[in-house]
Amino acid sequence: METRVTQFLDAAGVSYKVLPHKSPLFTVADAVVQRNVPLNEVVKCILLQDKKGKRVMVCATGEVQLDLQAVRQYLPAGYKRMSFAKAETITELTGYVKGSVPPLDLPTSLPLFFDEGILERTKVNISSGDPNAGVELAPQDLLRLSGAQIASLSKGALHG
């Protein structure tokens, strides 16, 4: 299966594995079941925005509960209280539908942060950008290609 993400990875010469789904999926819980992978290997991407429309993408492994206060401390001045973006906003900004947004191939103007727990894994899997497949790769490759900043974004920093 070829997607914008697999094309991006091929162009970068990165090793990866496509994880096909039996049916389209849009949740971390479904990804764990259909890909037969641990929860802490699935990377979820969440678009946040403030009331003025300033946006940031944050990514963490599946078991992590994001701490929105922690996210704000990494943002430049001017960002106010953050909330989850609506599905239409996600698609409009990223070109991907909610639940299948990968942490690659995003607008360069969109600040991108990875929770530090992502780098504690030996492998991670992300959306391929298509709800019919995921992609497994090394977290170091994901970080290098995404250009994300590493931050401590989880409540209680429960990694492991």
Protein backbone atom coordinates (compact mmCIF):
# COMPACT_ATOMS: atom_id res chain seq x y z
CA MET A 1 0.00 0.00 0.00
CA GLU A 2 1.36 3.40 -0.96
CA THR A 3 0.38 6.62 0.84
CA ARG A 4 1.84 10.10 1.14
CA VAL A 5 3.65 8.90 4.27
CA THR A 6 5.17 5.80 2.65
CA GLN A 7 6.26 7.95 -0.30
CA PHE A 8 7.85 10.39 2.17
CA LEU A 9 9.66 7.53 3.96
CA ASP A 10 10.80 5.98 0.66
CA ALA A 11 12.19 9.32 -0.50
CA ALA A 12 14.10 9.62 2.80
CA GLY A 13 15.48 6.07 2.47
CA VAL A 14 14.02 5.02 5.82
CA SER A 15 13.24 1.41 6.70
CA TYR A 16 9.62 0.80 7.70
CA LYS A 17 6.90 -1.84 7.71
CA VAL A 18 3.31 -1.30 6.53
CA LEU A 19 0.71 -2.63 8.98
CA PRO A 20 -2.52 -3.20 7.01
CA HIS A 21 -5.89 -2.95 8.75
CA LYS A 22 -8.85 -5.28 8.21
CA SER A 23 -11.10 -2.22 8.16
CA PRO A 24 -10.55 1.56 8.38
CA LEU A 25 -9.66 2.71 11.87
CA PHE A 26 -9.54 6.04 13.64
CA THR A 27 -8.70 5.28 17.31
CA VAL A 28 -5.65 4.14 19.24
CA ALA A 29 -7.66 1.28 20.76
CA ASP A 30 -8.57 -0.03 17.30
CA ALA A 31 -4.96 0.36 16.14
CA VAL A 32 -3.73 -1.81 19.02
CA VAL A 33 -6.17 -4.58 18.10
CA GLN A 34 -5.90 -4.49 14.31
CA ARG A 35 -2.12 -4.00 14.18
CA ASN A 36 -1.55 -6.45 17.07
CA VAL A 37 0.88 -4.07 18.79
CA PRO A 38 1.29 -2.80 22.36
CA LEU A 39 -0.48 0.41 23.33
CA ASN A 40 2.83 2.09 24.14
CA GLU A 41 4.07 1.68 20.55
CA VAL A 42 1.14 3.48 18.91
CA VAL A 43 1.80 7.19 18.35
CA LYS A 44 -1.26 9.44 18.48
CA CYS A 45 -1.23 12.94 17.03
CA ILE A 46 -3.46 15.61 18.51
CA LEU A 47 -4.04 19.06 17.05
CA LEU A 48 -4.55 21.73 19.69
CA GLN A 49 -5.56 25.35 19.20
CA ASP A 50 -6.18 28.40 21.30
CA LYS A 51 -9.10 30.82 21.03
CA LYS A 52 -7.18 33.01 18.59
CA GLY A 53 -6.63 30.06 16.26
CA LYS A 54 -2.94 29.44 17.04
CA ARG A 55 -2.27 25.75 16.59
CA VAL A 56 0.21 23.09 17.65
CA MET A 57 0.46 19.36 16.98
CA VAL A 58 1.42 17.16 19.91
CA CYS A 59 2.22 13.46 19.65
CA ALA A 60 2.55 10.81 22.34
CA THR A 61 2.32 7.06 22.70
CA GLY A 62 -1.11 5.55 23.20
CA GLU A 63 -1.09 5.15 26.97
CA VAL A 64 -0.14 8.76 27.66
CA GLN A 65 -2.65 11.29 28.92
CA LEU A 66 -1.50 14.69 27.70
CA ASP A 67 -1.09 17.52 30.16
CA LEU A 68 -2.28 20.63 28.35
CA GLN A 69 -0.60 22.87 30.94
CA ALA A 70 2.71 21.13 30.20
CA VAL A 71 2.19 21.70 26.47
CA ARG A 72 1.76 25.44 27.00
CA GLN A 73 5.09 25.81 28.78
CA TYR A 74 6.89 24.78 25.57
CA LEU A 75 5.05 27.22 23.33
CA PRO A 76 6.16 30.73 22.42
CA ALA A 77 4.55 33.67 24.20
CA GLY A 78 1.10 34.51 22.94
CA TYR A 79 -0.47 31.06 23.08
CA LYS A 80 -3.45 30.99 25.39
CA ARG A 81 -5.52 28.16 26.81
CA MET A 82 -5.37 25.20 24.42
CA SER A 83 -8.25 22.92 23.41
CA PHE A 84 -8.72 20.07 20.95
CA ALA A 85 -9.24 21.14 17.35
CA LYS A 86 -12.42 20.14 15.50
CA ALA A 87 -12.32 17.42 12.85
CA GLU A 88 -12.87 19.93 10.03
CA THR A 89 -9.94 22.03 11.22
CA ILE A 90 -7.68 18.97 11.35
CA THR A 91 -8.47 18.00 7.76
CA GLU A 92 -8.26 21.56 6.49
CA LEU A 93 -4.84 22.13 8.06
CA THR A 94 -3.18 18.73 7.58
CA GLY A 95 -4.96 17.17 4.61
CA TYR A 96 -5.68 14.10 6.76
CA VAL A 97 -8.88 13.05 8.51
CA LYS A 98 -9.15 12.95 12.31
CA GLY A 99 -7.82 9.65 13.58
CA SER A 100 -5.41 9.10 10.69
CA VAL A 101 -3.06 12.06 11.04
CA PRO A 102 0.61 11.03 10.89
CA PRO A 103 3.41 12.97 12.58
CA LEU A 104 5.08 13.39 9.17
CA ASP A 105 4.26 15.38 6.06
CA LEU A 106 2.69 18.21 8.08
CA PRO A 107 2.75 21.93 7.29
CA THR A 108 6.17 23.33 8.24
CA SER A 109 4.48 26.30 9.92
CA LEU A 110 2.77 23.98 12.43
CA PRO A 111 4.76 23.59 15.69
CA LEU A 112 5.26 19.87 16.38
CA PHE A 113 6.11 18.33 19.74
CA PHE A 114 6.78 14.70 20.70
CA ASP A 115 6.35 13.49 24.24
CA GLU A 116 9.69 12.15 25.45
CA GLY A 117 8.19 8.67 25.90
CA ILE A 118 8.22 8.15 22.12
CA LEU A 119 12.01 7.89 22.17
CA GLU A 120 11.92 5.28 24.95
CA ARG A 121 10.48 2.71 22.53
CA THR A 122 12.50 0.39 20.29
CA LYS A 123 9.87 0.83 17.58
CA VAL A 124 6.73 2.89 17.13
CA ASN A 125 3.85 2.84 14.74
CA ILE A 126 2.04 5.76 13.24
CA SER A 127 -0.82 6.34 10.88
CA SER A 128 0.13 5.97 7.24
CA GLY A 129 -2.20 8.87 6.55
CA ASP A 130 -4.72 6.35 5.25
CA PRO A 131 -7.19 4.77 7.72
CA ASN A 132 -6.51 1.37 6.11
CA ALA A 133 -2.89 1.00 7.31
CA GLY A 134 -0.30 1.98 9.86
CA VAL A 135 3.47 2.20 9.53
CA GLU A 136 6.06 0.81 11.93
CA LEU A 137 9.49 2.45 12.15
CA ALA A 138 12.30 3.38 14.52
CA PRO A 139 11.49 6.32 16.80
CA GLN A 140 14.84 7.94 15.98
CA ASP A 141 13.93 7.98 12.27
CA LEU A 142 10.52 9.41 13.10
CA LEU A 143 12.07 12.20 15.17
CA ARG A 144 14.70 13.04 12.56
CA LEU A 145 12.20 13.19 9.69
CA SER A 146 9.49 15.05 11.59
CA GLY A 147 11.68 17.81 12.99
CA ALA A 148 9.64 17.63 16.20
CA GLN A 149 10.80 19.07 19.49
CA ILE A 150 10.99 16.65 22.41
CA ALA A 151 9.07 17.66 25.53
CA SER A 152 7.62 16.20 28.70
CA LEU A 153 3.91 16.39 27.87
CA SER A 154 2.26 13.62 29.88
CA LYS A 155 0.37 13.84 33.13
CA GLY A 156 2.57 12.33 35.78
CA ALA A 157 5.20 11.45 33.15
CA LEU A 158 4.18 7.79 33.26
CA HIS A 159 6.46 6.16 30.72
CA GLY A 160 7.54 2.57 30.64
